[in-house]
Each structure stands twice: as structure tokens, then as C-alpha cells.
Amino acid sequence: MELSKRLKAVADLVSRGRNVADIGCDHGYVSIYLCEKQIAEKVIAMDVNDGPLARAREHIRQAGLSRYIETRLSDGADALGAKEADSAVIAGMGGRLMVRILSQAAARIGNFEELVLQPQSEIFKVREYLWENGYQIVAEDMVLEDGKYYQMIKALKQGKTAKDAHGTDVCKEFEKIAEKTGVSAGQVREACAWYGPLLLKTGHTVCREYRAREYRNLDRIRQHITEQKATSETIERVEELSYKLEILQVAEKVGNVYGDSQN
């Protein structure tokens, strides 16, 4: 199974030997790839819509993997039983919906040991959920495909305290970076929530390109608005854009701190 750059980056983050829940499986391509590459022992492929699930079922049959991949019609993880999967893959949906699915699953069947996530929007909500629920972000990736940027996150369940990839309490790590950058720990946390602590730590090339483009676009929009007649709406919009630009600058400082510590 040949995957798109985005989906391959997602699938390659899954640990070997897992029983995987592919939530929002669409046409089943990730599920098939995981079994063809012998990454997953078993996959339960779920989707909320009949059409995509039927196509996934046909693709699975054609690949000869029906004994390894089970399909289920499911709103989120609602059709999944306790301990049926220890790893969950969720890709191609908004961050708010992703958090809702994970929260409902945790309340009903407990937490997954491993999460591989690719939120399309509100990425900060996903990382905040992970930090607040004792997940350790152990890997991140970012790709550019067809003019769009996509972030991937791999997290492991650790306990009640949020941990970073080196086992340090995340809040303490933010405070340490804040001291070195001269900005608040809250702003460091927000920058990491948006742009990824490990993406910043490693100086990920695609993430750096994305941040540079984002800064140019937001700055151009802000400049255009400031040239218009000032109203309460335009003033509020300029303040919002200015704050986003400030967080992008914080992200750059965070990356520089990590870079200095590795030199």
C-alpha cells in the first residue's frame, strides 16, 4: 500500500506489535499499511460514515487482510471495547473533535497506552489534552503536502503528571526555558502547544519553514488592517494578530534555547 506523505508520516510513528484502533479510518489505507508492514498485530478500523467504511472493507479484502483488520461503524471510539486496542491512530480531523473522542473513550474504556495523532486544526488543544492527562510526547513530525502543512504527534501514557520526552515535568521545563528567554512560562507553553516542543527542540526544517511563512502572512494581514479606519473590530483583530506574532517569536526563542543547549 502506497500512502501519501502525510499518512505515511502518521503510520510510521506507530510502535510495532500493537493492537491498533484506526479511528476515522476513511478508506482504510493506514490500517492496510500497518498490517502489510507488520507494524500492527491487529487493527480495528472504524469510521462514522457507511460509505468510507464500505470502501475500506473492500480495500482490505483486496489486500487479503480481512483476518487482521476488522471494520466497525463507529462514532469516534464508541464501538471499541475495553482492552481491544492499546494504540489509537486518529488523523485528518480537527483538534477539538479529536480531544472529544479521546475524552469520551477514556471515560468509557480507559486511556490508550499509545496515541498517534494528526490534527488538522486547533493543534494546541490536542497537546494541552496530552499534557493534562499524563501523556508523554515522545515523537513529532511535520510534512508539507500539496501546499498544506501537517503536524504529527506520538504520545505514551505515563501517569498523572505530564512529562516531556526526557521525563522532566513539563511545567518545570517551561519555567526553565522562560528564565532563559525572558518571556513568561505561559507563553512558552502556548508556543510549544502550537508548534510542538520536539519540533522546536530538533529545529525541524519543515516546522521552521511553516513558522516563517505564518509570520509573514500574519504580519501582512496586520499591516493591511492597520491601514484601514480604526474601529473596535479592527483594533481587536490587530491585537489578536499581534499576540499570534508574539507567540511565533517566542517559538523562535524556544528553538534557539534548545539549539544552544545542544551545542
C-alpha atoms as a PDB file:
ATOM      1  CA  MET A   1       0.000   0.000   0.000  1.00  0.00           C
ATOM      2  CA  GLU A   2       1.454   3.335  -1.109  1.00  0.00           C
ATOM      3  CA  LEU A   3       0.470   6.110   1.274  1.00  0.00           C
ATOM      4  CA  SER A   4       0.520   9.860   0.845  1.00  0.00           C
ATOM      5  CA  LYS A   5       3.397  11.654   2.550  1.00  0.00           C
ATOM      6  CA  ARG A   6       1.031  12.754   5.336  1.00  0.00           C
ATOM      7  CA  LEU A   7      -0.435   9.332   6.057  1.00  0.00           C
ATOM      8  CA  LYS A   8       2.947   7.602   5.843  1.00  0.00           C
ATOM      9  CA  ALA A   9       4.346  10.029   8.412  1.00  0.00           C
ATOM     10  CA  VAL A  10       1.414   9.116  10.665  1.00  0.00           C
ATOM     11  CA  ALA A  11       1.677   5.350  10.186  1.00  0.00           C
ATOM     12  CA  ASP A  12       5.440   5.276  10.689  1.00  0.00           C
ATOM     13  CA  LEU A  13       5.013   6.664  14.220  1.00  0.00           C
ATOM     14  CA  VAL A  14       3.034   3.603  15.376  1.00  0.00           C
ATOM     15  CA  SER A  15       5.070   1.249  17.567  1.00  0.00           C
ATOM     16  CA  ARG A  16       5.492  -2.329  16.383  1.00  0.00           C
ATOM     17  CA  GLY A  17       3.487  -5.113  17.955  1.00  0.00           C
ATOM     18  CA  ARG A  18       0.465  -3.023  18.915  1.00  0.00           C
ATOM     19  CA  ASN A  19      -3.236  -3.739  18.590  1.00  0.00           C
ATOM     20  CA  VAL A  20      -4.375  -0.566  16.864  1.00  0.00           C
ATOM     21  CA  ALA A  21      -7.656   1.315  16.708  1.00  0.00           C
ATOM     22  CA  ASP A  22      -7.740   3.351  13.486  1.00  0.00           C
ATOM     23  CA  ILE A  23     -10.369   5.913  14.434  1.00  0.00           C
ATOM     24  CA  GLY A  24     -11.823   7.762  11.462  1.00  0.00           C
ATOM     25  CA  CYS A  25     -10.184   5.259   9.114  1.00  0.00           C
ATOM     26  CA  ASP A  26     -11.719   6.717   5.931  1.00  0.00           C
ATOM     27  CA  HIS A  27     -10.709   4.301   3.115  1.00  0.00           C
ATOM     28  CA  GLY A  28      -8.578   2.111   5.383  1.00  0.00           C
ATOM     29  CA  TYR A  29      -5.209   2.904   3.839  1.00  0.00           C
ATOM     30  CA  VAL A  30      -3.369   3.378   7.151  1.00  0.00           C
ATOM     31  CA  SER A  31      -4.838   0.153   8.532  1.00  0.00           C
ATOM     32  CA  ILE A  32      -3.685  -1.778   5.463  1.00  0.00           C
ATOM     33  CA  TYR A  33      -0.200  -0.242   5.587  1.00  0.00           C
ATOM     34  CA  LEU A  34       0.208  -1.115   9.275  1.00  0.00           C
ATOM     35  CA  CYS A  35      -0.586  -4.766   8.602  1.00  0.00           C
ATOM     36  CA  GLU A  36       1.325  -5.056   5.322  1.00  0.00           C
ATOM     37  CA  LYS A  37       4.459  -3.699   7.003  1.00  0.00           C
ATOM     38  CA  GLN A  38       3.843  -5.973  10.016  1.00  0.00           C
ATOM     39  CA  ILE A  39       3.785  -2.968  12.319  1.00  0.00           C
ATOM     40  CA  ALA A  40       0.434  -3.844  13.899  1.00  0.00           C
ATOM     41  CA  GLU A  41      -0.660  -7.243  15.165  1.00  0.00           C
ATOM     42  CA  LYS A  42      -4.306  -6.385  14.591  1.00  0.00           C
ATOM     43  CA  VAL A  43      -6.263  -3.298  13.538  1.00  0.00           C
ATOM     44  CA  ILE A  44      -9.838  -2.286  14.235  1.00  0.00           C
ATOM     45  CA  ALA A  45     -10.729   0.246  11.533  1.00  0.00           C
ATOM     46  CA  MET A  46     -13.639   2.497  12.447  1.00  0.00           C
ATOM     47  CA  ASP A  47     -15.494   5.305  10.737  1.00  0.00           C
ATOM     48  CA  VAL A  48     -18.697   7.193  11.435  1.00  0.00           C
ATOM     49  CA  ASN A  49     -19.857   7.018   7.799  1.00  0.00           C
ATOM     50  CA  ASP A  50     -21.063   3.926   5.923  1.00  0.00           C
ATOM     51  CA  GLY A  51     -19.616   4.963   2.558  1.00  0.00           C
ATOM     52  CA  PRO A  52     -15.943   5.268   3.530  1.00  0.00           C
ATOM     53  CA  LEU A  53     -16.207   2.181   5.735  1.00  0.00           C
ATOM     54  CA  ALA A  54     -17.585   0.111   2.845  1.00  0.00           C
ATOM     55  CA  ARG A  55     -14.697   1.246   0.651  1.00  0.00           C
ATOM     56  CA  ALA A  56     -12.242   0.459   3.441  1.00  0.00           C
ATOM     57  CA  ARG A  57     -13.737  -3.018   3.765  1.00  0.00           C
ATOM     58  CA  GLU A  58     -13.306  -3.596   0.019  1.00  0.00           C
ATOM     59  CA  HIS A  59      -9.712  -2.329   0.040  1.00  0.00           C
ATOM     60  CA  ILE A  60      -8.931  -4.605   2.974  1.00  0.00           C
ATOM     61  CA  ARG A  61     -10.469  -7.576   1.152  1.00  0.00           C
ATOM     62  CA  GLN A  62      -8.461  -6.832  -1.981  1.00  0.00           C
ATOM     63  CA  ALA A  63      -5.279  -6.666   0.104  1.00  0.00           C
ATOM     64  CA  GLY A  64      -6.072 -10.079   1.621  1.00  0.00           C
ATOM     65  CA  LEU A  65      -6.003  -8.703   5.158  1.00  0.00           C
ATOM     66  CA  SER A  66      -9.553  -9.341   6.366  1.00  0.00           C
ATOM     67  CA  ARG A  67      -8.317 -11.709   9.093  1.00  0.00           C
ATOM     68  CA  TYR A  68      -6.100  -8.951  10.526  1.00  0.00           C
ATOM     69  CA  ILE A  69      -8.301  -5.875  10.078  1.00  0.00           C
ATOM     70  CA  GLU A  70     -11.841  -5.648  11.418  1.00  0.00           C
ATOM     71  CA  THR A  71     -14.123  -2.803  10.338  1.00  0.00           C
ATOM     72  CA  ARG A  72     -16.759  -1.196  12.548  1.00  0.00           C
ATOM     73  CA  LEU A  73     -19.250   1.605  12.075  1.00  0.00           C
ATOM     74  CA  SER A  74     -18.485   3.906  14.978  1.00  0.00           C
ATOM     75  CA  ASP A  75     -18.840   7.482  16.150  1.00  0.00           C
ATOM     76  CA  GLY A  76     -15.303   8.045  17.381  1.00  0.00           C
ATOM     77  CA  ALA A  77     -14.286   5.078  19.517  1.00  0.00           C
ATOM     78  CA  ASP A  78     -17.838   4.257  20.653  1.00  0.00           C
ATOM     79  CA  ALA A  79     -17.782   0.779  19.056  1.00  0.00           C
ATOM     80  CA  LEU A  80     -14.489  -0.158  20.717  1.00  0.00           C
ATOM     81  CA  GLY A  81     -14.421  -2.377  23.774  1.00  0.00           C
ATOM     82  CA  ALA A  82     -12.079  -2.143  26.740  1.00  0.00           C
ATOM     83  CA  LYS A  83      -8.579  -3.559  26.099  1.00  0.00           C
ATOM     84  CA  GLU A  84      -9.324  -4.286  22.422  1.00  0.00           C
ATOM     85  CA  ALA A  85      -6.617  -1.818  21.359  1.00  0.00           C
ATOM     86  CA  ASP A  86      -3.618  -0.371  23.155  1.00  0.00           C
ATOM     87  CA  SER A  87      -2.749   2.129  20.414  1.00  0.00           C
ATOM     88  CA  ALA A  88      -5.017   4.632  18.679  1.00  0.00           C
ATOM     89  CA  VAL A  89      -4.405   6.396  15.381  1.00  0.00           C
ATOM     90  CA  ILE A  90      -6.517   9.473  14.682  1.00  0.00           C
ATOM     91  CA  ALA A  91      -5.710  11.551  11.614  1.00  0.00           C
ATOM     92  CA  GLY A  92      -7.391  14.107   9.407  1.00  0.00           C
ATOM     93  CA  MET A  93      -9.863  15.686  11.810  1.00  0.00           C
ATOM     94  CA  GLY A  94      -9.966  18.874  13.865  1.00  0.00           C
ATOM     95  CA  GLY A  95      -8.256  19.115  17.225  1.00  0.00           C
ATOM     96  CA  ARG A  96     -11.452  19.876  19.124  1.00  0.00           C
ATOM     97  CA  LEU A  97     -13.166  16.745  17.766  1.00  0.00           C
ATOM     98  CA  MET A  98     -10.044  14.687  18.437  1.00  0.00           C
ATOM     99  CA  VAL A  99      -9.998  15.764  22.089  1.00  0.00           C
ATOM    100  CA  ARG A 100     -13.706  14.951  22.433  1.00  0.00           C
ATOM    101  CA  ILE A 101     -13.164  11.448  21.038  1.00  0.00           C
ATOM    102  CA  LEU A 102     -10.206  10.799  23.345  1.00  0.00           C
ATOM    103  CA  SER A 103     -12.033  12.159  26.391  1.00  0.00           C
ATOM    104  CA  GLN A 104     -15.116  10.043  25.749  1.00  0.00           C
ATOM    105  CA  ALA A 105     -13.022   6.933  25.126  1.00  0.00           C
ATOM    106  CA  ALA A 106     -11.023   7.485  28.327  1.00  0.00           C
ATOM    107  CA  ALA A 107     -14.213   7.834  30.365  1.00  0.00           C
ATOM    108  CA  ARG A 108     -15.758   4.700  28.872  1.00  0.00           C
ATOM    109  CA  ILE A 109     -12.900   2.215  28.301  1.00  0.00           C
ATOM    110  CA  GLY A 110      -9.836   3.879  29.830  1.00  0.00           C
ATOM    111  CA  ASN A 111      -6.822   5.523  28.230  1.00  0.00           C
ATOM    112  CA  PHE A 112      -4.900   4.145  25.282  1.00  0.00           C
ATOM    113  CA  GLU A 113      -1.260   3.333  26.030  1.00  0.00           C
ATOM    114  CA  GLU A 114      -0.173   4.995  22.791  1.00  0.00           C
ATOM    115  CA  LEU A 115      -1.644   7.783  20.688  1.00  0.00           C
ATOM    116  CA  VAL A 116      -0.591   8.752  17.165  1.00  0.00           C
ATOM    117  CA  LEU A 117      -2.415  11.923  16.201  1.00  0.00           C
ATOM    118  CA  GLN A 118      -2.569  14.237  13.202  1.00  0.00           C
ATOM    119  CA  PRO A 119      -4.920  17.116  13.988  1.00  0.00           C
ATOM    120  CA  GLN A 120      -5.957  19.372  11.116  1.00  0.00           C
ATOM    121  CA  SER A 121      -6.752  22.406  13.280  1.00  0.00           C
ATOM    122  CA  GLU A 122      -6.595  23.665  16.881  1.00  0.00           C
ATOM    123  CA  ILE A 123      -3.428  21.661  17.419  1.00  0.00           C
ATOM    124  CA  PHE A 124      -2.796  23.423  20.713  1.00  0.00           C
ATOM    125  CA  LYS A 125      -5.918  21.816  22.188  1.00  0.00           C
ATOM    126  CA  VAL A 126      -4.530  18.350  21.444  1.00  0.00           C
ATOM    127  CA  ARG A 127      -1.166  18.953  23.106  1.00  0.00           C
ATOM    128  CA  GLU A 128      -2.862  20.574  26.100  1.00  0.00           C
ATOM    129  CA  TYR A 129      -5.062  17.495  26.436  1.00  0.00           C
ATOM    130  CA  LEU A 130      -1.996  15.249  26.385  1.00  0.00           C
ATOM    131  CA  TRP A 131      -0.144  17.289  28.996  1.00  0.00           C
ATOM    132  CA  GLU A 132      -3.177  17.500  31.263  1.00  0.00           C
ATOM    133  CA  ASN A 133      -3.877  13.765  31.076  1.00  0.00           C
ATOM    134  CA  GLY A 134      -0.449  12.312  31.807  1.00  0.00           C
ATOM    135  CA  TYR A 135       0.748  11.621  28.275  1.00  0.00           C
ATOM    136  CA  GLN A 136       4.403  11.972  27.311  1.00  0.00           C
ATOM    137  CA  ILE A 137       5.031  13.374  23.833  1.00  0.00           C
ATOM    138  CA  VAL A 138       7.839  11.143  22.561  1.00  0.00           C
ATOM    139  CA  ALA A 139       7.952  11.994  18.851  1.00  0.00           C
ATOM    140  CA  GLU A 140       6.716  14.667  16.474  1.00  0.00           C
ATOM    141  CA  ASP A 141       6.930  15.151  12.738  1.00  0.00           C
ATOM    142  CA  MET A 142       5.719  17.701  10.209  1.00  0.00           C
ATOM    143  CA  VAL A 143       5.297  17.420   6.453  1.00  0.00           C
ATOM    144  CA  LEU A 144       4.335  19.696   3.591  1.00  0.00           C
ATOM    145  CA  GLU A 145       1.976  18.067   1.101  1.00  0.00           C
ATOM    146  CA  ASP A 146       0.048  19.744  -1.716  1.00  0.00           C
ATOM    147  CA  GLY A 147       0.709  23.177  -0.252  1.00  0.00           C
ATOM    148  CA  LYS A 148      -0.520  22.294   3.244  1.00  0.00           C
ATOM    149  CA  TYR A 149       1.421  21.704   6.454  1.00  0.00           C
ATOM    150  CA  TYR A 150       0.587  18.787   8.753  1.00  0.00           C
ATOM    151  CA  GLN A 151       1.851  18.036  12.268  1.00  0.00           C
ATOM    152  CA  MET A 152       2.048  14.511  13.695  1.00  0.00           C
ATOM    153  CA  ILE A 153       2.283  13.673  17.400  1.00  0.00           C
ATOM    154  CA  LYS A 154       3.132  10.405  19.143  1.00  0.00           C
ATOM    155  CA  ALA A 155       2.392  10.194  22.864  1.00  0.00           C
ATOM    156  CA  LEU A 156       2.647   7.475  25.503  1.00  0.00           C
ATOM    157  CA  LYS A 157       0.592   7.239  28.684  1.00  0.00           C
ATOM    158  CA  GLN A 158       2.843   7.801  31.710  1.00  0.00           C
ATOM    159  CA  GLY A 159       0.644   8.598  34.673  1.00  0.00           C
ATOM    160  CA  LYS A 160      -0.983  11.583  36.287  1.00  0.00           C
ATOM    161  CA  THR A 161       1.874  14.044  35.714  1.00  0.00           C
ATOM    162  CA  ALA A 162       2.555  15.494  32.295  1.00  0.00           C
ATOM    163  CA  LYS A 163       6.065  14.624  31.127  1.00  0.00           C
ATOM    164  CA  ASP A 164       8.208  15.761  28.271  1.00  0.00           C
ATOM    165  CA  ALA A 165      10.277  13.410  26.115  1.00  0.00           C
ATOM    166  CA  HIS A 166      13.068  13.286  28.687  1.00  0.00           C
ATOM    167  CA  GLY A 167      10.898  12.581  31.715  1.00  0.00           C
ATOM    168  CA  THR A 168      11.000  16.120  33.121  1.00  0.00           C
ATOM    169  CA  ASP A 169       7.819  17.684  34.424  1.00  0.00           C
ATOM    170  CA  VAL A 170       6.553  19.780  31.519  1.00  0.00           C
ATOM    171  CA  CYS A 171       5.626  22.809  33.619  1.00  0.00           C
ATOM    172  CA  LYS A 172       9.086  22.910  35.180  1.00  0.00           C
ATOM    173  CA  GLU A 173      10.616  22.623  31.725  1.00  0.00           C
ATOM    174  CA  PHE A 174       8.547  25.596  30.551  1.00  0.00           C
ATOM    175  CA  GLU A 175       9.707  27.606  33.574  1.00  0.00           C
ATOM    176  CA  LYS A 176      13.358  26.807  32.840  1.00  0.00           C
ATOM    177  CA  ILE A 177      13.004  27.896  29.221  1.00  0.00           C
ATOM    178  CA  ALA A 178      11.125  31.040  30.293  1.00  0.00           C
ATOM    179  CA  GLU A 179      14.039  32.050  32.509  1.00  0.00           C
ATOM    180  CA  LYS A 180      16.447  31.705  29.594  1.00  0.00           C
ATOM    181  CA  THR A 181      14.258  33.532  27.077  1.00  0.00           C
ATOM    182  CA  GLY A 182      12.897  36.309  29.280  1.00  0.00           C
ATOM    183  CA  VAL A 183       9.269  35.517  28.458  1.00  0.00           C
ATOM    184  CA  SER A 184       6.546  34.009  30.624  1.00  0.00           C
ATOM    185  CA  ALA A 185       6.197  30.269  31.196  1.00  0.00           C
ATOM    186  CA  GLY A 186       2.633  30.591  29.918  1.00  0.00           C
ATOM    187  CA  GLN A 187       3.845  31.940  26.594  1.00  0.00           C
ATOM    188  CA  VAL A 188       6.460  29.187  26.329  1.00  0.00           C
ATOM    189  CA  ARG A 189       3.735  26.624  26.957  1.00  0.00           C
ATOM    190  CA  GLU A 190       1.493  28.199  24.327  1.00  0.00           C
ATOM    191  CA  ALA A 191       4.294  28.268  21.751  1.00  0.00           C
ATOM    192  CA  CYS A 192       5.031  24.595  22.411  1.00  0.00           C
ATOM    193  CA  ALA A 193       1.323  23.739  22.260  1.00  0.00           C
ATOM    194  CA  TRP A 194       1.021  25.339  18.826  1.00  0.00           C
ATOM    195  CA  TYR A 195       4.328  24.418  17.252  1.00  0.00           C
ATOM    196  CA  GLY A 196       5.454  21.293  19.102  1.00  0.00           C
ATOM    197  CA  PRO A 197       8.096  21.012  21.837  1.00  0.00           C
ATOM    198  CA  LEU A 198      10.038  18.360  19.943  1.00  0.00           C
ATOM    199  CA  LEU A 199       9.689  20.130  16.599  1.00  0.00           C
ATOM    200  CA  LEU A 200      11.170  23.215  18.253  1.00  0.00           C
ATOM    201  CA  LYS A 201      13.793  21.217  20.127  1.00  0.00           C
ATOM    202  CA  THR A 202      15.081  19.487  16.996  1.00  0.00           C
ATOM    203  CA  GLY A 203      14.894  22.561  14.771  1.00  0.00           C
ATOM    204  CA  HIS A 204      12.644  20.620  12.385  1.00  0.00           C
ATOM    205  CA  THR A 205      13.154  22.128   8.921  1.00  0.00           C
ATOM    206  CA  VAL A 206       9.519  21.963   7.784  1.00  0.00           C
ATOM    207  CA  CYS A 207       8.307  23.485  11.052  1.00  0.00           C
ATOM    208  CA  ARG A 208      10.783  26.343  10.703  1.00  0.00           C
ATOM    209  CA  GLU A 209       9.575  26.978   7.147  1.00  0.00           C
ATOM    210  CA  TYR A 210       5.972  26.909   8.337  1.00  0.00           C
ATOM    211  CA  ARG A 211       6.601  29.382  11.154  1.00  0.00           C
ATOM    212  CA  ALA A 212       8.425  31.770   8.833  1.00  0.00           C
ATOM    213  CA  ARG A 213       5.578  31.667   6.312  1.00  0.00           C
ATOM    214  CA  GLU A 214       2.974  32.052   9.052  1.00  0.00           C
ATOM    215  CA  TYR A 215       4.789  35.091  10.433  1.00  0.00           C
ATOM    216  CA  ARG A 216       4.948  36.768   7.021  1.00  0.00           C
ATOM    217  CA  ASN A 217       1.269  36.117   6.328  1.00  0.00           C
ATOM    218  CA  LEU A 218       0.041  37.329   9.718  1.00  0.00           C
ATOM    219  CA  ASP A 219       2.267  40.404   9.619  1.00  0.00           C
ATOM    220  CA  ARG A 220       0.981  41.297   6.149  1.00  0.00           C
ATOM    221  CA  ILE A 221      -2.633  40.949   7.300  1.00  0.00           C
ATOM    222  CA  ARG A 222      -1.947  43.071  10.385  1.00  0.00           C
ATOM    223  CA  GLN A 223      -0.339  45.776   8.273  1.00  0.00           C
ATOM    224  CA  HIS A 224      -3.318  45.791   5.900  1.00  0.00           C
ATOM    225  CA  ILE A 225      -5.796  46.147   8.775  1.00  0.00           C
ATOM    226  CA  THR A 226      -3.850  48.958  10.453  1.00  0.00           C
ATOM    227  CA  GLU A 227      -4.129  50.961   7.233  1.00  0.00           C
ATOM    228  CA  GLN A 228      -7.929  50.833   7.467  1.00  0.00           C
ATOM    229  CA  LYS A 229     -10.146  53.084   9.550  1.00  0.00           C
ATOM    230  CA  ALA A 230      -9.860  52.151  13.219  1.00  0.00           C
ATOM    231  CA  THR A 231     -12.952  50.511  14.707  1.00  0.00           C
ATOM    232  CA  SER A 232     -13.447  48.342  17.756  1.00  0.00           C
ATOM    233  CA  GLU A 233     -13.412  45.305  15.460  1.00  0.00           C
ATOM    234  CA  THR A 234     -10.193  46.235  13.638  1.00  0.00           C
ATOM    235  CA  ILE A 235      -8.452  47.151  16.893  1.00  0.00           C
ATOM    236  CA  GLU A 236      -9.418  43.788  18.381  1.00  0.00           C
ATOM    237  CA  ARG A 237      -8.229  41.994  15.244  1.00  0.00           C
ATOM    238  CA  VAL A 238      -4.877  43.801  15.287  1.00  0.00           C
ATOM    239  CA  GLU A 239      -4.395  42.865  18.948  1.00  0.00           C
ATOM    240  CA  GLU A 240      -5.188  39.230  18.146  1.00  0.00           C
ATOM    241  CA  LEU A 241      -2.728  39.158  15.251  1.00  0.00           C
ATOM    242  CA  SER A 242      -0.063  40.898  17.321  1.00  0.00           C
ATOM    243  CA  TYR A 243      -0.367  38.252  20.012  1.00  0.00           C
ATOM    244  CA  LYS A 244      -0.077  35.427  17.472  1.00  0.00           C
ATOM    245  CA  LEU A 245       3.046  37.073  16.069  1.00  0.00           C
ATOM    246  CA  GLU A 246       4.425  37.366  19.592  1.00  0.00           C
ATOM    247  CA  ILE A 247       3.890  33.629  20.178  1.00  0.00           C
ATOM    248  CA  LEU A 248       5.703  32.894  16.920  1.00  0.00           C
ATOM    249  CA  GLN A 249       8.613  34.978  18.200  1.00  0.00           C
ATOM    250  CA  VAL A 250       8.519  33.027  21.459  1.00  0.00           C
ATOM    251  CA  ALA A 251       8.625  29.772  19.471  1.00  0.00           C
ATOM    252  CA  GLU A 252      11.765  31.034  17.740  1.00  0.00           C
ATOM    253  CA  LYS A 253      13.338  31.833  21.116  1.00  0.00           C
ATOM    254  CA  VAL A 254      12.429  28.392  22.456  1.00  0.00           C
ATOM    255  CA  GLY A 255      14.064  26.773  19.445  1.00  0.00           C
ATOM    256  CA  ASN A 256      17.176  28.879  19.984  1.00  0.00           C
ATOM    257  CA  VAL A 257      17.380  27.827  23.646  1.00  0.00           C
ATOM    258  CA  TYR A 258      17.224  24.162  22.683  1.00  0.00           C
ATOM    259  CA  GLY A 259      19.777  24.741  19.947  1.00  0.00           C
ATOM    260  CA  ASP A 260      22.180  26.456  22.348  1.00  0.00           C
ATOM    261  CA  SER A 261      21.849  23.629  24.875  1.00  0.00           C
ATOM    262  CA  GLN A 262      22.822  21.065  22.230  1.00  0.00           C
ATOM    263  CA  ASN A 263      25.891  22.958  21.011  1.00  0.00           C
END
